[in-house]
Protein backbone atom coordinates (compact mmCIF):
# COMPACT_ATOMS: atom_id res chain seq x y z
CA MET A 1 -107.26 -24.20 149.38
CA GLU A 2 -109.08 -23.01 146.26
CA LEU A 3 -106.93 -21.81 143.38
CA ALA A 4 -109.30 -18.85 142.94
CA VAL A 5 -108.31 -17.56 146.39
CA LEU A 6 -104.63 -17.61 145.45
CA VAL A 7 -105.30 -15.96 142.07
CA ALA A 8 -107.30 -13.19 143.74
CA ALA A 9 -104.47 -12.58 146.19
CA SER A 10 -102.00 -12.43 143.30
CA ALA A 11 -104.12 -9.73 141.68
CA VAL A 12 -104.19 -7.73 144.92
CA VAL A 13 -100.41 -7.95 145.26
CA ALA A 14 -99.87 -6.96 141.63
CA ALA A 15 -102.23 -3.98 141.92
CA THR A 16 -100.43 -2.28 144.81
CA ARG A 17 -97.02 -0.65 144.90
CA SER A 18 -97.01 -0.61 148.69
CA ARG A 19 -94.43 -3.03 150.06
CA THR A 20 -96.32 -3.18 153.37
CA ALA A 21 -99.58 -4.02 151.63
CA LYS A 22 -97.94 -6.73 149.53
CA VAL A 23 -96.42 -8.34 152.62
CA ALA A 24 -99.69 -8.20 154.53
CA GLU A 25 -101.66 -9.85 151.72
CA LEU A 26 -99.08 -12.59 151.22
CA ALA A 27 -98.89 -13.23 154.97
CA ARG A 28 -102.67 -13.51 155.11
CA LEU A 29 -102.70 -16.10 152.35
CA LEU A 30 -99.83 -18.09 153.87
CA THR A 31 -101.73 -18.23 157.16
CA LEU A 32 -104.80 -19.42 155.31
CA ALA A 33 -102.77 -22.10 153.50
CA ALA A 34 -101.22 -23.27 156.77
CA ALA A 35 -104.62 -24.52 157.91
CA ALA A 36 -104.51 -27.05 155.04
CA GLY A 37 -100.97 -28.31 155.77
CA GLU A 38 -97.32 -27.82 154.87
CA ARG A 39 -97.72 -28.80 151.22
CA GLU A 40 -100.30 -26.05 150.71
CA VAL A 41 -97.92 -23.49 152.25
CA LEU A 42 -95.07 -24.66 150.01
CA LEU A 43 -97.24 -24.37 146.90
CA THR A 44 -98.59 -20.98 147.93
CA ALA A 45 -95.12 -19.55 148.54
CA ALA A 46 -93.81 -21.00 145.28
CA PHE A 47 -96.71 -20.02 143.02
CA LEU A 48 -96.94 -16.48 144.38
CA SER A 49 -93.20 -16.09 143.83
CA GLY A 50 -93.61 -17.24 140.21
CA ARG A 51 -91.99 -20.66 140.73
CA VAL A 52 -93.10 -24.18 139.89
CA PRO A 53 -91.47 -26.50 142.47
CA HIS A 54 -92.15 -29.62 140.40
CA GLY A 55 -89.23 -29.15 138.00
CA ARG A 56 -89.51 -28.89 134.23
CA LEU A 57 -93.09 -29.28 133.00
CA GLY A 58 -92.34 -29.42 129.29
CA VAL A 59 -94.82 -26.59 128.69
CA GLY A 60 -94.04 -23.46 126.70
CA TYR A 61 -95.78 -20.66 124.85
CA HIS A 62 -96.56 -22.86 121.84
CA THR A 63 -98.13 -25.50 124.09
CA ILE A 64 -100.65 -23.12 125.62
CA ALA A 65 -101.39 -21.30 122.38
CA SER A 66 -104.39 -23.57 121.73
CA LEU A 67 -106.43 -24.46 124.79
CA PRO A 68 -110.04 -25.52 125.37
CA PRO A 69 -112.53 -22.86 126.53
CA PRO A 70 -112.30 -21.79 130.20
CA ALA A 71 -114.75 -22.88 132.87
CA ASP A 72 -117.53 -20.58 134.07
CA VAL A 73 -117.31 -21.65 137.72
CA ALA A 74 -114.16 -21.92 139.86
CA THR A 75 -113.66 -25.48 141.13
CA LEU A 76 -109.89 -26.03 141.06
CA THR A 77 -107.87 -26.42 144.25
CA LEU A 78 -104.13 -26.15 144.83
CA ALA A 79 -104.13 -29.92 145.23
CA ASP A 80 -105.59 -30.27 141.72
CA VAL A 81 -102.84 -28.05 140.27
CA ASP A 82 -100.22 -29.93 142.28
CA ALA A 83 -101.40 -33.26 140.85
CA ALA A 84 -101.48 -31.91 137.29
CA PHE A 85 -98.01 -30.35 137.53
CA THR A 86 -96.62 -33.57 139.00
CA ALA A 87 -98.07 -35.53 136.07
CA LEU A 88 -96.59 -33.07 133.58
CA ALA A 89 -93.16 -33.17 135.21
CA THR A 90 -92.99 -36.96 135.41
CA ALA A 91 -94.42 -37.83 131.97
CA SER A 92 -91.82 -39.69 129.94
CA GLY A 93 -91.38 -42.37 127.33
CA SER A 94 -93.69 -43.42 124.51
CA GLY A 95 -96.98 -41.56 124.59
CA SER A 96 -95.76 -38.94 127.03
CA ALA A 97 -96.54 -36.06 124.66
CA GLY A 98 -100.16 -37.16 124.38
CA ALA A 99 -100.43 -37.69 128.13
CA ARG A 100 -98.96 -34.25 128.79
CA ARG A 101 -101.38 -32.65 126.34
CA ALA A 102 -104.35 -34.40 127.95
CA THR A 103 -103.27 -33.34 131.43
CA LEU A 104 -102.78 -29.74 130.34
CA ASP A 105 -106.15 -29.58 128.55
CA ALA A 106 -107.95 -31.06 131.57
CA LEU A 107 -106.35 -28.54 133.91
CA PHE A 108 -107.01 -25.49 131.76
CA SER A 109 -110.55 -26.49 130.83
CA ALA A 110 -111.38 -26.66 134.56
CA ALA A 111 -109.90 -23.19 135.14
CA THR A 112 -111.80 -19.94 134.90
CA ALA A 113 -110.50 -17.16 132.66
CA ALA A 114 -108.68 -15.51 135.59
CA GLU A 115 -107.25 -18.83 136.79
CA ARG A 116 -105.98 -19.89 133.38
CA ASP A 117 -104.35 -16.50 132.86
CA PHE A 118 -102.44 -17.00 136.12
CA LEU A 119 -101.57 -20.62 135.32
CA ALA A 120 -100.36 -19.68 131.83
CA ARG A 121 -98.09 -17.01 133.25
CA LEU A 122 -96.89 -19.39 135.96
CA VAL A 123 -95.85 -22.22 133.62
CA THR A 124 -94.13 -19.81 131.22
CA GLY A 125 -92.30 -17.89 133.96
CA GLU A 126 -94.23 -14.68 133.44
CA VAL A 127 -95.69 -14.10 136.92
CA ARG A 128 -94.63 -10.52 137.63
CA GLN A 129 -96.43 -9.03 140.60
CA GLY A 130 -93.64 -7.50 142.64
CA ALA A 131 -93.49 -10.48 145.04
CA LEU A 132 -89.96 -11.70 144.68
CA ASP A 133 -88.17 -13.61 147.44
CA GLY A 134 -87.39 -10.48 149.48
CA ILE A 135 -91.09 -9.67 149.81
CA MET A 136 -92.04 -13.30 150.36
CA GLN A 137 -89.41 -13.68 153.10
CA LEU A 138 -90.98 -10.75 154.92
CA ALA A 139 -94.41 -12.33 154.52
CA VAL A 140 -93.20 -15.69 155.87
CA ALA A 141 -91.63 -13.98 158.87
CA GLN A 142 -94.80 -12.01 159.55
CA ALA A 143 -97.15 -14.98 159.14
CA SER A 144 -95.05 -17.29 161.31
CA GLU A 145 -94.01 -14.60 163.83
CA VAL A 146 -90.29 -15.41 163.56
CA PRO A 147 -87.31 -13.09 162.95
CA LEU A 148 -86.68 -12.21 159.32
CA GLU A 149 -82.98 -13.13 159.59
CA SER A 150 -83.96 -16.65 160.68
CA VAL A 151 -86.11 -17.02 157.55
CA ARG A 152 -83.31 -15.70 155.32
CA ARG A 153 -80.68 -18.00 156.75
CA ALA A 154 -82.91 -21.07 156.56
CA ALA A 155 -83.82 -20.25 152.95
CA MET A 156 -80.12 -19.93 152.15
CA LEU A 157 -79.30 -23.30 153.67
CA ALA A 158 -82.32 -25.10 152.24
CA GLY A 159 -81.73 -23.61 148.80
CA THR A 160 -85.35 -22.53 148.41
CA LEU A 161 -87.80 -20.37 150.33
CA ASP A 162 -90.73 -22.63 149.49
CA THR A 163 -89.82 -25.46 151.86
CA VAL A 164 -88.71 -22.96 154.50
CA ALA A 165 -92.11 -21.27 154.40
CA ALA A 166 -93.74 -24.61 155.15
CA VAL A 167 -91.36 -25.23 158.07
CA ALA A 168 -91.80 -21.73 159.50
CA LEU A 169 -95.60 -21.83 159.40
CA SER A 170 -95.73 -25.30 160.92
CA HIS A 171 -92.80 -25.38 163.37
CA GLY A 172 -91.80 -21.76 163.93
CA LEU A 173 -88.33 -20.66 165.00
CA GLU A 174 -87.45 -24.08 166.42
CA GLY A 175 -88.08 -25.67 163.03
CA LEU A 176 -86.00 -23.06 161.20
CA GLU A 177 -83.06 -23.60 163.54
CA ARG A 178 -82.98 -27.25 162.52
CA VAL A 179 -82.25 -26.24 158.91
CA VAL A 180 -78.48 -26.53 158.45
CA LEU A 181 -76.00 -26.89 155.60
CA GLU A 182 -76.10 -30.45 154.31
CA VAL A 183 -73.35 -31.69 152.02
CA LEU A 184 -74.82 -32.81 148.64
CA ARG A 185 -77.79 -30.43 149.08
CA PRO A 186 -77.14 -27.10 147.29
CA ILE A 187 -77.53 -23.80 149.10
CA ALA A 188 -78.40 -20.42 147.62
CA PRO A 189 -75.20 -18.75 146.34
CA MET A 190 -73.95 -15.43 147.68
CA LEU A 191 -74.53 -12.63 145.19
CA ALA A 192 -72.66 -9.45 144.43
CA ALA A 193 -73.93 -5.91 144.20
CA SER A 194 -72.77 -3.73 141.30
CA ALA A 195 -70.67 -0.58 141.09
CA PRO A 196 -69.95 1.50 138.00
CA ASN A 197 -66.23 1.70 138.72
CA VAL A 198 -63.45 0.46 140.98
CA ALA A 199 -63.39 3.70 142.97
CA ASP A 200 -66.99 3.20 144.10
CA ALA A 201 -66.42 -0.51 144.79
CA THR A 202 -63.44 0.27 147.06
CA ALA A 203 -65.25 2.99 149.01
CA MET A 204 -65.75 0.50 151.86
CA ASP A 205 -62.92 0.05 154.33
CA GLY A 206 -60.09 -2.23 153.18
CA PRO A 207 -58.25 -4.41 152.80
CA TRP A 208 -60.17 -6.20 150.09
CA SER A 209 -59.85 -9.35 148.08
CA VAL A 210 -60.06 -8.12 144.49
CA GLU A 211 -60.86 -11.15 142.35
CA ARG A 212 -61.07 -11.85 138.63
CA LYS A 213 -64.67 -12.00 137.44
CA LEU A 214 -65.10 -14.87 135.02
CA ASP A 215 -67.83 -15.06 132.39
CA GLY A 216 -68.47 -18.77 132.89
CA ILE A 217 -71.03 -20.93 134.65
CA ARG A 218 -71.36 -20.46 138.39
CA ILE A 219 -70.94 -23.85 140.05
CA GLN A 220 -71.34 -25.17 143.56
CA ALA A 221 -69.47 -28.43 144.07
CA HIS A 222 -70.21 -30.86 146.92
CA LYS A 223 -68.12 -33.85 147.93
CA ARG A 224 -68.88 -36.65 150.37
CA GLY A 225 -66.33 -39.42 150.12
CA ARG A 226 -66.28 -40.51 146.49
CA ASP A 227 -69.65 -38.90 145.73
CA VAL A 228 -69.36 -35.52 143.98
CA ARG A 229 -72.31 -33.36 142.97
CA VAL A 230 -72.15 -30.17 140.88
CA PHE A 231 -74.97 -27.63 140.94
CA THR A 232 -75.70 -24.47 138.95
CA ARG A 233 -76.49 -21.03 140.31
CA SER A 234 -80.18 -21.97 140.09
CA LEU A 235 -79.40 -25.18 142.06
CA ASP A 236 -79.91 -27.57 139.14
CA ASP A 237 -77.83 -30.76 139.30
CA ILE A 238 -75.51 -30.88 136.25
CA THR A 239 -72.99 -33.39 137.63
CA GLU A 240 -73.26 -35.77 134.69
CA ARG A 241 -72.50 -33.00 132.21
CA LEU A 242 -69.28 -31.82 133.89
CA PRO A 243 -66.90 -34.76 134.32
CA ASP A 244 -63.92 -32.36 134.16
CA VAL A 245 -65.21 -30.48 137.22
CA VAL A 246 -66.03 -33.73 139.04
CA GLU A 247 -62.49 -34.97 138.42
CA VAL A 248 -60.92 -31.87 140.01
CA VAL A 249 -63.17 -31.94 143.08
CA ALA A 250 -62.88 -35.71 143.60
CA ALA A 251 -59.08 -35.42 143.81
CA LEU A 252 -59.10 -32.87 146.63
CA PRO A 253 -57.91 -34.07 150.06
CA ALA A 254 -61.21 -33.82 151.93
CA GLU A 255 -63.90 -36.23 153.07
CA THR A 256 -66.72 -33.66 152.97
CA LEU A 257 -66.43 -30.40 151.06
CA VAL A 258 -68.55 -27.60 149.55
CA LEU A 259 -66.95 -25.19 147.08
CA ASP A 260 -68.15 -22.12 145.18
CA GLY A 261 -66.63 -21.28 141.81
CA GLU A 262 -66.90 -21.14 138.04
CA ALA A 263 -66.42 -23.50 135.13
CA ILE A 264 -65.27 -21.87 131.91
CA ALA A 265 -64.05 -22.77 128.44
CA GLN A 266 -60.74 -21.20 127.44
CA ARG A 267 -58.81 -20.71 124.24
CA PRO A 268 -55.35 -22.26 123.80
CA ASP A 269 -53.75 -18.94 124.77
CA GLY A 270 -55.65 -18.92 128.08
CA ARG A 271 -58.13 -16.19 127.14
CA PRO A 272 -61.77 -17.03 127.91
CA GLU A 273 -64.09 -18.23 125.18
CA PRO A 274 -67.34 -16.26 124.73
CA PHE A 275 -70.00 -17.23 127.24
CA GLN A 276 -71.98 -19.08 124.57
CA ILE A 277 -69.23 -21.68 124.26
CA THR A 278 -69.28 -22.46 127.98
CA GLY A 279 -73.06 -22.20 128.11
CA ALA A 280 -73.54 -24.60 125.21
CA ARG A 281 -71.20 -27.12 126.81
CA THR A 282 -72.91 -27.09 130.22
CA ALA A 283 -76.42 -27.06 128.77
CA SER A 284 -75.94 -29.96 126.36
CA ARG A 285 -77.12 -33.46 127.22
CA ARG A 286 -74.94 -35.13 124.56
CA ASP A 287 -72.20 -37.57 125.48
CA PRO A 288 -70.20 -35.76 128.24
CA ALA A 289 -66.92 -37.43 127.24
CA GLN A 290 -67.29 -36.30 123.63
CA LEU A 291 -68.23 -32.77 124.71
CA ARG A 292 -65.27 -32.66 127.06
CA ALA A 293 -62.92 -33.59 124.24
CA GLN A 294 -64.41 -30.89 122.01
CA THR A 295 -64.74 -28.15 124.66
CA PRO A 296 -62.79 -28.79 127.86
CA LEU A 297 -63.70 -26.71 130.90
CA THR A 298 -61.36 -25.29 133.50
CA THR A 299 -62.54 -25.30 137.12
CA TYR A 300 -61.89 -22.17 139.15
CA VAL A 301 -62.79 -21.94 142.85
CA PHE A 302 -63.15 -18.68 144.79
CA ASP A 303 -64.76 -19.81 148.05
CA VAL A 304 -65.11 -22.77 150.41
CA LEU A 305 -68.25 -23.17 152.51
CA HIS A 306 -67.66 -26.48 154.31
CA LEU A 307 -64.69 -28.72 155.03
CA ASP A 308 -64.67 -32.09 156.79
CA GLY A 309 -67.74 -31.62 158.95
CA ARG A 310 -67.11 -27.93 159.69
CA SER A 311 -69.31 -25.19 158.25
CA LEU A 312 -67.29 -22.14 157.19
CA LEU A 313 -70.26 -19.92 156.33
CA ASP A 314 -69.79 -17.68 159.35
CA GLU A 315 -65.99 -17.52 159.06
CA PRO A 316 -64.54 -14.30 157.58
CA LEU A 317 -63.46 -14.43 153.96
CA SER A 318 -59.84 -14.06 155.07
CA ALA A 319 -60.08 -17.40 156.91
CA ARG A 320 -61.87 -19.08 154.02
CA ARG A 321 -59.14 -17.89 151.64
CA GLU A 322 -56.51 -19.54 153.84
CA VAL A 323 -58.41 -22.82 153.64
CA LEU A 324 -58.59 -22.52 149.85
CA GLU A 325 -54.87 -21.87 149.55
CA ARG A 326 -54.12 -25.06 151.50
CA LEU A 327 -56.70 -27.09 149.61
CA LEU A 328 -56.30 -26.12 145.95
CA GLN A 329 -53.42 -25.56 143.56
CA PRO A 330 -53.15 -22.08 142.02
CA VAL A 331 -54.31 -23.42 138.64
CA ASN A 332 -57.79 -23.97 140.13
CA ARG A 333 -58.01 -20.81 142.23
CA VAL A 334 -59.45 -17.59 140.86
CA ALA A 335 -56.75 -14.96 140.33
CA SER A 336 -56.89 -12.23 142.97
CA VAL A 337 -54.98 -9.59 144.85
CA VAL A 338 -55.38 -8.55 148.49
CA THR A 339 -54.90 -4.82 148.95
CA ASP A 340 -56.17 -1.70 150.66
CA ASP A 341 -54.90 0.55 147.84
CA PRO A 342 -57.57 1.60 145.30
CA GLU A 343 -54.87 2.20 142.69
CA ILE A 344 -53.68 -1.40 142.93
CA ALA A 345 -57.29 -2.55 142.66
CA GLN A 346 -57.73 -0.40 139.55
CA ARG A 347 -54.60 -1.81 137.90
CA PHE A 348 -55.78 -5.34 138.63
CA PHE A 349 -59.15 -4.50 137.06
CA ASP A 350 -57.46 -3.08 133.96
CA ASP A 351 -55.31 -6.21 133.64
CA GLN A 352 -58.34 -8.52 133.85
CA VAL A 353 -60.30 -6.62 131.22
CA ALA A 354 -57.26 -6.56 128.93
CA ALA A 355 -57.00 -10.35 129.32
CA GLY A 356 -60.59 -10.74 128.11
CA HIS A 357 -62.32 -11.23 131.44
CA GLU A 358 -65.53 -9.53 132.63
CA GLY A 359 -63.93 -7.40 135.32
CA VAL A 360 -63.48 -7.92 139.06
CA VAL A 361 -65.38 -8.59 142.26
CA VAL A 362 -64.25 -6.56 145.25
CA LYS A 363 -64.86 -8.48 148.49
CA ASP A 364 -64.70 -7.47 152.14
CA LEU A 365 -62.15 -9.77 153.81
CA ALA A 366 -64.10 -9.64 157.09
CA SER A 367 -67.39 -10.75 155.55
CA PRO A 368 -69.10 -14.11 156.19
CA TYR A 369 -70.72 -16.04 153.35
CA ALA A 370 -74.20 -14.51 153.21
CA ALA A 371 -75.70 -16.93 150.72
CA GLY A 372 -78.70 -15.90 148.71
CA ARG A 373 -78.23 -12.20 149.46
CA ARG A 374 -76.94 -9.33 147.35
CA GLY A 375 -75.26 -7.05 149.88
CA GLY A 376 -72.34 -4.68 150.01
CA SER A 377 -69.73 -7.25 151.01
CA TRP A 378 -69.21 -8.35 147.40
CA VAL A 379 -69.26 -5.70 144.68
CA LYS A 380 -68.75 -6.51 141.00
CA VAL A 381 -67.27 -4.04 138.54
CA LYS A 382 -67.50 -4.50 134.78
CA PRO A 383 -66.76 -2.11 131.92
CA ARG A 384 -70.03 -0.57 130.88
CA HIS A 385 -70.75 -0.71 127.17
CA THR A 386 -73.42 1.59 125.76
CA LEU A 387 -75.09 2.03 122.39
CA ASP A 388 -77.62 4.51 121.08
CA LEU A 389 -80.27 2.32 119.44
CA VAL A 390 -83.70 2.85 117.97
CA VAL A 391 -86.97 1.44 119.33
CA LEU A 392 -88.63 -0.69 116.63
CA ALA A 393 -91.56 -2.05 118.63
CA VAL A 394 -92.80 -2.45 122.18
CA GLU A 395 -94.72 -5.21 123.97
CA ARG A 396 -97.64 -4.83 126.34
CA GLY A 397 -96.72 -5.32 129.98
CA SER A 398 -97.99 -8.01 132.33
CA GLY A 399 -98.29 -8.32 136.10
CA ARG A 400 -97.54 -4.99 137.77
CA ARG A 401 -96.87 -3.52 134.32
CA ARG A 402 -100.25 -4.52 132.93
CA GLY A 403 -101.74 -1.55 131.10
CA THR A 404 -98.35 -0.18 130.04
CA LEU A 405 -96.11 -0.62 127.01
CA SER A 406 -93.05 -2.23 128.51
CA ASN A 407 -90.57 -4.51 126.69
CA ILE A 408 -88.87 -2.54 123.89
CA HIS A 409 -87.37 -4.03 120.71
CA LEU A 410 -83.97 -2.53 119.92
CA GLY A 411 -82.42 -1.93 116.51
CA ALA A 412 -79.18 -0.62 115.02
CA ARG A 413 -78.99 1.31 111.76
CA ASP A 414 -78.28 -0.77 108.67
CA GLY A 415 -78.31 1.31 105.50
CA ASP A 416 -81.79 2.77 105.12
CA GLY A 417 -83.28 0.35 107.66
CA PHE A 418 -82.67 -1.14 111.09
CA VAL A 419 -81.49 -4.51 112.39
CA MET A 420 -82.94 -5.84 115.63
CA LEU A 421 -80.43 -6.73 118.38
CA GLY A 422 -82.71 -7.76 121.22
CA LYS A 423 -85.33 -6.66 123.71
CA THR A 424 -85.36 -5.29 127.24
CA PHE A 425 -87.73 -4.12 129.95
CA LYS A 426 -84.94 -3.53 132.50
CA GLY A 427 -83.89 -0.18 133.89
CA MET A 428 -87.26 1.48 133.36
CA THR A 429 -88.62 3.73 136.11
CA ASP A 430 -92.36 4.17 136.66
CA ASP A 431 -92.17 7.64 135.11
CA MET A 432 -90.36 6.21 132.09
CA LEU A 433 -93.01 3.50 131.68
CA ALA A 434 -95.80 6.07 131.78
CA TRP A 435 -94.02 8.30 129.26
CA GLN A 436 -93.22 5.54 126.80
CA THR A 437 -96.76 4.11 126.98
CA THR A 438 -98.13 7.44 125.81
CA HIS A 439 -95.33 8.19 123.36
CA PHE A 440 -95.22 4.81 121.60
CA THR A 441 -99.00 4.75 121.29
CA GLU A 442 -98.75 8.06 119.43
CA ILE A 443 -96.13 6.78 116.94
CA ALA A 444 -97.58 3.26 116.51
CA THR A 445 -97.92 1.88 112.99
CA ASP A 446 -99.35 -1.56 113.83
CA ASP A 447 -100.76 -3.41 116.85
CA ASN A 448 -101.43 -7.16 116.95
CA GLY A 449 -102.73 -7.06 120.50
CA TRP A 450 -99.38 -7.90 122.06
CA VAL A 451 -96.62 -6.20 120.06
CA VAL A 452 -97.02 -2.57 119.01
CA THR A 453 -94.84 -1.67 116.01
CA VAL A 454 -93.70 1.97 116.02
CA ARG A 455 -92.07 4.39 113.63
CA PRO A 456 -88.29 3.86 113.99
CA GLU A 457 -87.46 7.31 115.30
CA GLN A 458 -87.03 7.14 119.09
CA VAL A 459 -83.40 6.78 120.19
CA VAL A 460 -82.62 5.11 123.50
CA GLU A 461 -79.27 4.75 125.27
CA ILE A 462 -78.74 1.12 126.23
CA ALA A 463 -76.15 -0.35 128.57
CA PHE A 464 -75.21 -3.99 128.09
CA ASP A 465 -72.64 -6.49 129.30
CA GLY A 466 -71.58 -7.99 125.99
CA LEU A 467 -72.57 -9.35 122.61
CA GLN A 468 -73.19 -12.89 121.41
CA ARG A 469 -73.91 -14.59 118.12
CA SER A 470 -77.61 -14.98 117.39
CA SER A 471 -79.63 -16.80 114.77
CA ARG A 472 -82.77 -14.96 115.87
CA TYR A 473 -81.81 -11.60 114.44
CA PRO A 474 -80.68 -10.76 110.87
CA GLY A 475 -77.58 -8.94 112.12
CA GLY A 476 -76.31 -12.17 113.66
CA LEU A 477 -75.69 -10.55 117.05
CA ALA A 478 -77.67 -10.06 120.26
CA LEU A 479 -77.12 -7.87 123.31
CA ARG A 480 -76.44 -9.54 126.66
CA PHE A 481 -78.18 -8.11 129.74
CA ALA A 482 -79.42 -4.97 128.00
CA ARG A 483 -80.93 -2.24 130.17
CA VAL A 484 -82.28 1.26 129.54
CA LEU A 485 -80.21 4.20 130.70
CA ARG A 486 -82.24 7.04 129.17
CA TYR A 487 -84.18 8.11 126.13
CA ARG A 488 -82.18 10.40 123.82
CA ASP A 489 -84.53 13.08 122.55
CA ASP A 490 -81.42 15.04 121.58
CA LYS A 491 -80.60 12.50 118.86
CA THR A 492 -82.40 11.50 115.69
CA ALA A 493 -82.57 7.95 114.37
CA GLU A 494 -80.01 8.92 111.74
CA GLU A 495 -77.54 9.59 114.55
CA SER A 496 -78.00 6.20 116.22
CA ASP A 497 -75.30 3.54 116.16
CA THR A 498 -74.92 1.33 113.10
CA ILE A 499 -74.70 -2.44 112.87
CA GLU A 500 -71.10 -1.99 111.70
CA THR A 501 -70.27 -0.21 114.95
CA VAL A 502 -71.82 -3.07 116.85
CA ARG A 503 -69.85 -5.65 114.86
CA LYS A 504 -66.58 -3.83 115.52
CA LEU A 505 -67.41 -3.72 119.22
CA ALA A 506 -68.18 -7.44 119.20
CA GLY A 507 -64.87 -8.34 117.60
CA PRO A 508 -64.30 -12.01 116.67
CA VAL A 509 -67.38 -13.45 118.43
CA THR A 510 -67.20 -17.21 118.00
CA GLY A 511 -69.21 -20.24 119.03
CA GLN A 512 -72.67 -21.59 118.45
CA PRO A 513 -75.49 -19.08 117.90
CA ASP A 514 -78.41 -18.99 120.31
CA ALA A 515 -81.44 -21.14 119.64
């Protein structure tokens, strides 16, 4: 299939807000790709969902900053892009940088202006067209004429929708039913919805399992005999980096096993280290033994998905908890309380926050493990921190937000000036986007074509999950998971929060700063 056909479909999907229209266009393209084979379907599903299924390409913003001129005529096919991405992902050793550069230049010089814009956004993770997995699952179901639940379950078990799309379009429902949980192959993790408080989270019928929410690295551990594999939330294999986790799982009395949990660094008093400490440990490729000695990790497990040839995915959480209690010592189980009393749940939440943890997850004891879905069976509750900050600049939107001013730069007062603490485009409604596009254009002081600098006068209320050290910003701190709550026209910039307030809120933030 021609790349130009896919790029045109992407533009159609990005231009409409209609969910039905998005699904119809994606289903049409998947059907078209199916005529060329399963690989074309896999690539189509991946690319239109903003994913590169080849792994790390070693390409970033700086790499595509200088490219040869685009082509006038569209000649590229998906097979051409597939070959180029494979070459980029597998380039290694002496001369690999030059080979990667040559491959990238050849690909982009053969692409038209529209194609290279799409490819640039794809390799940098900036494809935003409102076609996330939920929409794509609907499109796969429609194109292959199979039930949506069958697509969802197969995607959960396969760990990715891309391969499932290829199976569905080629083999239909029969093919999807052959997709099962395989030990040593990661599956999509179950996700939790959010609630602002414990009262809302416990509105569903009890009893519930109210569990400590750790600010560590989500891990999925698989065991087959002596072979142990550890995967991240995004299904990356990090086994070699986590010998402490491997050691715990390897010692468990099971031949085949799949566990869901967290790995986290802790202080000597048992309180959790800031996320950056755990994140730096699990992300590093330095000598694992040395890293373990410097920053040991504790393994906590909160669910079991498979045990000795038996899948537990469809078992209720109450049954899975019983298996965990037989299998693991308390030191490796996430702290929890089973109750149907909201007051007990609230006290448990208060205790966890006081101990330095993120909050709790309230879980329905009757629920199966619905991997890859964010439903009402698991509900997370965290204390909501807010700050009134000032907008310093705003970036032009891309994808569905093309033509708007979207990503805002946030600053706290520091004397007569402002210190930047991060950026966000989250939490913005369509009406908010339209308003801020007009408003920030009116108060702009500079525009480099991408970032519009504005007069520091607009106050915005920002919710965030925490603070971390940062070498990117002069204040030395950055917001984690910042999102817009509302614009505060009732406040002036002089009434916004100061960097001192932010530092007091952060407390003794330790660990390595971000890169």
